[in-house]
Amino acid sequence: MERLKIHQYISFYEKEESRNETLLKFAKLDYNRIQLLYRQELAILSRWSRDFNVTHKYPYTRDRIVEAYVWALGSICEPKFGASRLMIAKYLQVETVLDDTYDAYGTLDELYRFTAAFERL
């Protein structure tokens, strides 16, 4: 992930004797600003997940909203695409509920029909 590399580069650059202190300061500020944005987005998703109440409504499903967000963040790390990250993470959580329902509750006949319906899309 690109942002993790940036953190590593900042650590290396801090040790350089010929570093530019202004550049280093701006790099740290930018890194911290982006981390704050990611935390805010994760807070939004956590609230959405709590309101969605997956573990109560569907106790057999996995609540993987943080994992879904990290996956979305790995795909789209640019700050301006926050709405896309949120949408991808929500989609993945809903897909997880659907997959767990498919695995836990479907009879063989229902699963064949459900799969055929998806393949027609």
N, C-alpha and C. Protein backbone atom coordinates (compact mmCIF):
# COMPACT_ATOMS: atom_id res chain seq x y z
N MET A 1 0.84 -1.17 0.00
CA MET A 1 0.00 0.00 0.00
C MET A 1 0.89 1.24 0.00
N GLU A 2 0.53 2.15 -0.85
CA GLU A 2 1.37 3.32 -1.08
C GLU A 2 1.61 4.14 0.18
N ARG A 3 0.59 4.34 0.98
CA ARG A 3 0.74 5.17 2.18
C ARG A 3 1.67 4.53 3.21
N LEU A 4 1.70 3.22 3.27
CA LEU A 4 2.64 2.57 4.18
C LEU A 4 4.07 2.78 3.71
N LYS A 5 4.27 2.78 2.40
CA LYS A 5 5.60 3.06 1.85
C LYS A 5 6.03 4.49 2.20
N ILE A 6 5.09 5.42 2.15
CA ILE A 6 5.41 6.81 2.47
C ILE A 6 5.89 6.92 3.91
N HIS A 7 5.23 6.21 4.81
CA HIS A 7 5.65 6.22 6.22
C HIS A 7 7.09 5.70 6.33
N GLN A 8 7.39 4.67 5.60
CA GLN A 8 8.74 4.11 5.62
C GLN A 8 9.76 5.11 5.04
N TYR A 9 9.40 5.78 3.96
CA TYR A 9 10.29 6.77 3.36
C TYR A 9 10.55 7.92 4.32
N ILE A 10 9.51 8.35 5.05
CA ILE A 10 9.68 9.42 6.03
C ILE A 10 10.68 8.99 7.10
N SER A 11 10.56 7.75 7.57
CA SER A 11 11.49 7.24 8.58
C SER A 11 12.92 7.24 8.07
N PHE A 12 13.10 6.83 6.82
CA PHE A 12 14.45 6.82 6.24
C PHE A 12 14.98 8.24 6.07
N TYR A 13 14.11 9.13 5.60
CA TYR A 13 14.52 10.50 5.31
C TYR A 13 14.89 11.25 6.59
N GLU A 14 14.24 10.92 7.69
CA GLU A 14 14.56 11.56 8.97
C GLU A 14 16.01 11.31 9.38
N LYS A 15 16.55 10.18 8.99
CA LYS A 15 17.91 9.80 9.37
C LYS A 15 18.98 10.40 8.46
N GLU A 16 18.55 10.97 7.33
CA GLU A 16 19.50 11.58 6.40
C GLU A 16 20.09 12.85 7.00
N GLU A 17 21.37 13.02 6.87
CA GLU A 17 22.01 14.23 7.39
C GLU A 17 21.68 15.44 6.52
N SER A 18 21.50 15.23 5.23
CA SER A 18 21.24 16.35 4.31
C SER A 18 19.75 16.56 4.06
N ARG A 19 18.91 16.21 5.02
CA ARG A 19 17.46 16.33 4.83
C ARG A 19 17.02 17.80 4.85
N ASN A 20 15.92 18.04 4.19
CA ASN A 20 15.29 19.35 4.17
C ASN A 20 14.20 19.31 5.25
N GLU A 21 14.39 20.08 6.32
CA GLU A 21 13.47 20.03 7.46
C GLU A 21 12.06 20.48 7.08
N THR A 22 11.94 21.45 6.18
CA THR A 22 10.63 21.92 5.75
C THR A 22 9.90 20.81 4.99
N LEU A 23 10.60 20.17 4.09
CA LEU A 23 10.01 19.07 3.33
C LEU A 23 9.59 17.93 4.25
N LEU A 24 10.42 17.61 5.21
CA LEU A 24 10.11 16.55 6.17
C LEU A 24 8.88 16.91 6.99
N LYS A 25 8.81 18.16 7.42
CA LYS A 25 7.66 18.60 8.21
C LYS A 25 6.36 18.49 7.39
N PHE A 26 6.38 18.93 6.13
CA PHE A 26 5.20 18.84 5.28
C PHE A 26 4.83 17.39 4.98
N ALA A 27 5.82 16.54 4.80
CA ALA A 27 5.54 15.13 4.55
C ALA A 27 4.83 14.49 5.75
N LYS A 28 5.30 14.83 6.95
CA LYS A 28 4.65 14.30 8.16
C LYS A 28 3.24 14.85 8.32
N LEU A 29 3.06 16.13 8.06
CA LEU A 29 1.72 16.73 8.14
C LEU A 29 0.76 16.09 7.15
N ASP A 30 1.23 15.88 5.93
CA ASP A 30 0.39 15.25 4.92
C ASP A 30 0.04 13.82 5.33
N TYR A 31 1.01 13.08 5.81
CA TYR A 31 0.76 11.70 6.23
C TYR A 31 -0.27 11.66 7.36
N ASN A 32 -0.11 12.52 8.34
CA ASN A 32 -1.05 12.55 9.47
C ASN A 32 -2.45 13.00 9.04
N ARG A 33 -2.51 13.94 8.10
CA ARG A 33 -3.80 14.41 7.60
C ARG A 33 -4.55 13.28 6.89
N ILE A 34 -3.83 12.51 6.09
CA ILE A 34 -4.46 11.40 5.36
C ILE A 34 -4.87 10.29 6.33
N GLN A 35 -4.05 10.04 7.34
CA GLN A 35 -4.41 9.03 8.34
C GLN A 35 -5.69 9.44 9.08
N LEU A 36 -5.83 10.72 9.37
CA LEU A 36 -7.04 11.22 10.02
C LEU A 36 -8.26 11.01 9.12
N LEU A 37 -8.10 11.28 7.83
CA LEU A 37 -9.19 11.06 6.88
C LEU A 37 -9.60 9.60 6.88
N TYR A 38 -8.62 8.69 6.84
CA TYR A 38 -8.93 7.26 6.84
C TYR A 38 -9.64 6.84 8.12
N ARG A 39 -9.23 7.40 9.25
CA ARG A 39 -9.90 7.08 10.52
C ARG A 39 -11.33 7.59 10.53
N GLN A 40 -11.54 8.77 9.97
CA GLN A 40 -12.91 9.32 9.90
C GLN A 40 -13.79 8.44 9.01
N GLU A 41 -13.25 7.99 7.90
CA GLU A 41 -14.01 7.11 7.02
C GLU A 41 -14.34 5.79 7.72
N LEU A 42 -13.40 5.26 8.46
CA LEU A 42 -13.64 4.03 9.19
C LEU A 42 -14.68 4.24 10.28
N ALA A 43 -14.71 5.40 10.90
CA ALA A 43 -15.74 5.72 11.89
C ALA A 43 -17.13 5.76 11.23
N ILE A 44 -17.20 6.33 10.04
CA ILE A 44 -18.46 6.36 9.30
C ILE A 44 -18.94 4.94 9.01
N LEU A 45 -18.01 4.10 8.56
CA LEU A 45 -18.37 2.71 8.27
C LEU A 45 -18.76 1.94 9.52
N SER A 46 -18.09 2.20 10.62
CA SER A 46 -18.43 1.52 11.87
C SER A 46 -19.85 1.89 12.31
N ARG A 47 -20.19 3.18 12.18
CA ARG A 47 -21.55 3.61 12.52
C ARG A 47 -22.57 2.95 11.60
N TRP A 48 -22.27 2.91 10.31
CA TRP A 48 -23.15 2.26 9.35
C TRP A 48 -23.33 0.78 9.69
N SER A 49 -22.24 0.12 10.01
CA SER A 49 -22.30 -1.30 10.35
C SER A 49 -23.11 -1.53 11.63
N ARG A 50 -22.93 -0.65 12.60
CA ARG A 50 -23.70 -0.76 13.84
C ARG A 50 -25.18 -0.55 13.57
N ASP A 51 -25.52 0.42 12.71
CA ASP A 51 -26.92 0.65 12.34
C ASP A 51 -27.48 -0.50 11.50
N PHE A 52 -26.65 -1.07 10.66
CA PHE A 52 -27.02 -2.22 9.84
C PHE A 52 -27.26 -3.44 10.74
N ASN A 53 -26.53 -3.48 11.86
CA ASN A 53 -26.71 -4.47 12.92
C ASN A 53 -26.60 -5.91 12.41
N VAL A 54 -25.55 -6.16 11.68
CA VAL A 54 -25.35 -7.46 11.05
C VAL A 54 -25.32 -8.60 12.07
N THR A 55 -24.56 -8.45 13.11
CA THR A 55 -24.37 -9.56 14.05
C THR A 55 -25.64 -9.89 14.82
N HIS A 56 -26.53 -8.93 14.99
CA HIS A 56 -27.79 -9.20 15.69
C HIS A 56 -28.83 -9.79 14.74
N LYS A 57 -28.98 -9.18 13.57
CA LYS A 57 -29.98 -9.66 12.62
C LYS A 57 -29.59 -11.00 12.00
N TYR A 58 -28.31 -11.16 11.76
CA TYR A 58 -27.81 -12.37 11.09
C TYR A 58 -26.64 -12.92 11.91
N PRO A 59 -26.91 -13.61 13.00
CA PRO A 59 -25.83 -14.04 13.89
C PRO A 59 -24.83 -15.02 13.27
N TYR A 60 -25.20 -15.63 12.17
CA TYR A 60 -24.31 -16.58 11.51
C TYR A 60 -23.31 -15.89 10.58
N THR A 61 -23.45 -14.59 10.37
CA THR A 61 -22.57 -13.89 9.43
C THR A 61 -21.35 -13.31 10.14
N ARG A 62 -20.39 -12.99 9.33
CA ARG A 62 -19.15 -12.37 9.82
C ARG A 62 -19.25 -10.86 9.65
N ASP A 63 -18.90 -10.14 10.68
CA ASP A 63 -18.86 -8.68 10.60
C ASP A 63 -17.44 -8.31 10.20
N ARG A 64 -17.25 -7.97 8.94
CA ARG A 64 -15.91 -7.74 8.41
C ARG A 64 -15.77 -6.34 7.83
N ILE A 65 -16.35 -5.36 8.49
CA ILE A 65 -16.34 -4.02 7.92
C ILE A 65 -14.93 -3.43 7.90
N VAL A 66 -14.13 -3.70 8.91
CA VAL A 66 -12.75 -3.17 8.92
C VAL A 66 -11.93 -3.85 7.83
N GLU A 67 -12.08 -5.14 7.69
CA GLU A 67 -11.37 -5.86 6.63
C GLU A 67 -11.80 -5.35 5.25
N ALA A 68 -13.08 -5.11 5.08
CA ALA A 68 -13.59 -4.60 3.81
C ALA A 68 -13.01 -3.21 3.52
N TYR A 69 -12.91 -2.38 4.56
CA TYR A 69 -12.35 -1.04 4.35
C TYR A 69 -10.87 -1.10 3.98
N VAL A 70 -10.13 -1.97 4.63
CA VAL A 70 -8.71 -2.10 4.31
C VAL A 70 -8.55 -2.59 2.87
N TRP A 71 -9.41 -3.50 2.46
CA TRP A 71 -9.37 -3.98 1.09
C TRP A 71 -9.64 -2.82 0.12
N ALA A 72 -10.66 -2.01 0.42
CA ALA A 72 -10.99 -0.86 -0.43
C ALA A 72 -9.85 0.16 -0.42
N LEU A 73 -9.25 0.36 0.73
CA LEU A 73 -8.14 1.30 0.86
C LEU A 73 -6.93 0.82 0.06
N GLY A 74 -6.72 -0.48 0.02
CA GLY A 74 -5.63 -1.02 -0.79
C GLY A 74 -5.86 -0.83 -2.27
N SER A 75 -7.11 -0.76 -2.67
CA SER A 75 -7.45 -0.57 -4.08
C SER A 75 -7.43 0.90 -4.48
N ILE A 76 -7.94 1.75 -3.59
CA ILE A 76 -8.09 3.18 -3.90
C ILE A 76 -7.58 3.98 -2.70
N CYS A 77 -6.36 4.45 -2.76
CA CYS A 77 -5.80 5.15 -1.59
C CYS A 77 -5.82 6.67 -1.74
N GLU A 78 -6.14 7.17 -2.91
CA GLU A 78 -6.17 8.63 -3.09
C GLU A 78 -7.24 9.26 -2.20
N PRO A 79 -6.92 10.31 -1.49
CA PRO A 79 -7.87 10.93 -0.57
C PRO A 79 -9.19 11.36 -1.21
N LYS A 80 -9.15 11.80 -2.44
CA LYS A 80 -10.36 12.33 -3.09
C LYS A 80 -11.39 11.26 -3.42
N PHE A 81 -11.03 9.98 -3.29
CA PHE A 81 -11.94 8.90 -3.62
C PHE A 81 -12.55 8.24 -2.38
N GLY A 82 -12.79 9.03 -1.35
CA GLY A 82 -13.34 8.50 -0.11
C GLY A 82 -14.71 7.87 -0.29
N ALA A 83 -15.56 8.48 -1.10
CA ALA A 83 -16.90 7.93 -1.32
C ALA A 83 -16.81 6.56 -1.99
N SER A 84 -15.86 6.39 -2.88
CA SER A 84 -15.67 5.09 -3.53
C SER A 84 -15.22 4.04 -2.53
N ARG A 85 -14.31 4.41 -1.64
CA ARG A 85 -13.86 3.46 -0.61
C ARG A 85 -15.02 3.03 0.28
N LEU A 86 -15.84 4.00 0.69
CA LEU A 86 -16.98 3.69 1.54
C LEU A 86 -17.96 2.77 0.82
N MET A 87 -18.23 3.06 -0.44
CA MET A 87 -19.16 2.24 -1.22
C MET A 87 -18.64 0.82 -1.39
N ILE A 88 -17.36 0.67 -1.68
CA ILE A 88 -16.77 -0.65 -1.85
C ILE A 88 -16.85 -1.44 -0.54
N ALA A 89 -16.52 -0.80 0.56
CA ALA A 89 -16.55 -1.49 1.86
C ALA A 89 -17.97 -1.93 2.22
N LYS A 90 -18.95 -1.06 1.98
CA LYS A 90 -20.34 -1.42 2.26
C LYS A 90 -20.79 -2.57 1.36
N TYR A 91 -20.43 -2.50 0.10
CA TYR A 91 -20.77 -3.57 -0.83
C TYR A 91 -20.18 -4.90 -0.35
N LEU A 92 -18.92 -4.87 0.05
CA LEU A 92 -18.27 -6.11 0.50
C LEU A 92 -18.94 -6.67 1.75
N GLN A 93 -19.38 -5.81 2.66
CA GLN A 93 -20.07 -6.29 3.86
C GLN A 93 -21.40 -6.93 3.50
N VAL A 94 -22.16 -6.29 2.62
CA VAL A 94 -23.43 -6.85 2.20
C VAL A 94 -23.21 -8.17 1.45
N GLU A 95 -22.18 -8.21 0.63
CA GLU A 95 -21.85 -9.44 -0.10
C GLU A 95 -21.47 -10.55 0.86
N THR A 96 -20.78 -10.21 1.94
CA THR A 96 -20.41 -11.20 2.95
C THR A 96 -21.66 -11.78 3.61
N VAL A 97 -22.62 -10.92 3.92
CA VAL A 97 -23.89 -11.41 4.50
C VAL A 97 -24.59 -12.35 3.52
N LEU A 98 -24.62 -11.96 2.25
CA LEU A 98 -25.24 -12.79 1.23
C LEU A 98 -24.52 -14.13 1.10
N ASP A 99 -23.20 -14.10 1.08
CA ASP A 99 -22.42 -15.32 0.96
C ASP A 99 -22.63 -16.23 2.17
N ASP A 100 -22.62 -15.66 3.36
CA ASP A 100 -22.82 -16.46 4.56
C ASP A 100 -24.23 -17.05 4.61
N THR A 101 -25.21 -16.29 4.15
CA THR A 101 -26.58 -16.80 4.07
C THR A 101 -26.65 -17.95 3.08
N TYR A 102 -26.02 -17.78 1.96
CA TYR A 102 -25.96 -18.81 0.92
C TYR A 102 -25.36 -20.09 1.51
N ASP A 103 -24.25 -19.94 2.22
CA ASP A 103 -23.55 -21.11 2.78
C ASP A 103 -24.32 -21.76 3.92
N ALA A 104 -24.98 -20.95 4.76
CA ALA A 104 -25.57 -21.49 5.99
C ALA A 104 -27.01 -21.98 5.84
N TYR A 105 -27.79 -21.38 4.95
CA TYR A 105 -29.22 -21.64 4.97
C TYR A 105 -29.81 -22.17 3.68
N GLY A 106 -29.10 -22.16 2.61
CA GLY A 106 -29.69 -22.58 1.35
C GLY A 106 -29.77 -24.09 1.20
N THR A 107 -30.93 -24.57 0.74
CA THR A 107 -31.02 -25.98 0.37
C THR A 107 -30.36 -26.11 -1.00
N LEU A 108 -30.04 -27.31 -1.39
CA LEU A 108 -29.35 -27.52 -2.66
C LEU A 108 -30.19 -27.01 -3.83
N ASP A 109 -31.50 -27.27 -3.81
CA ASP A 109 -32.38 -26.80 -4.87
C ASP A 109 -32.43 -25.27 -4.91
N GLU A 110 -32.53 -24.63 -3.74
CA GLU A 110 -32.55 -23.16 -3.68
C GLU A 110 -31.24 -22.57 -4.19
N LEU A 111 -30.14 -23.22 -3.85
CA LEU A 111 -28.84 -22.71 -4.28
C LEU A 111 -28.67 -22.80 -5.78
N TYR A 112 -29.15 -23.90 -6.38
CA TYR A 112 -29.09 -24.02 -7.84
C TYR A 112 -29.89 -22.90 -8.51
N ARG A 113 -31.10 -22.64 -7.99
CA ARG A 113 -31.94 -21.59 -8.57
C ARG A 113 -31.34 -20.21 -8.34
N PHE A 114 -30.81 -19.99 -7.18
CA PHE A 114 -30.19 -18.70 -6.87
C PHE A 114 -28.98 -18.44 -7.75
N THR A 115 -28.15 -19.47 -7.91
CA THR A 115 -26.97 -19.35 -8.77
C THR A 115 -27.37 -19.10 -10.21
N ALA A 116 -28.38 -19.79 -10.69
CA ALA A 116 -28.85 -19.60 -12.07
C ALA A 116 -29.36 -18.17 -12.26
N ALA A 117 -30.06 -17.63 -11.27
CA ALA A 117 -30.55 -16.25 -11.37
C ALA A 117 -29.40 -15.28 -11.46
N PHE A 118 -28.35 -15.49 -10.68
CA PHE A 118 -27.18 -14.60 -10.74
C PHE A 118 -26.48 -14.73 -12.07
N GLU A 119 -26.39 -15.92 -12.61
CA GLU A 119 -25.71 -16.10 -13.89
C GLU A 119 -26.46 -15.44 -15.04
N ARG A 120 -27.76 -15.29 -14.90
CA ARG A 120 -28.56 -14.62 -15.94
C ARG A 120 -28.33 -13.11 -15.95
N LEU A 121 -27.83 -12.55 -14.87
CA LEU A 121 -27.63 -11.09 -14.81
C LEU A 121 -26.59 -10.62 -15.76
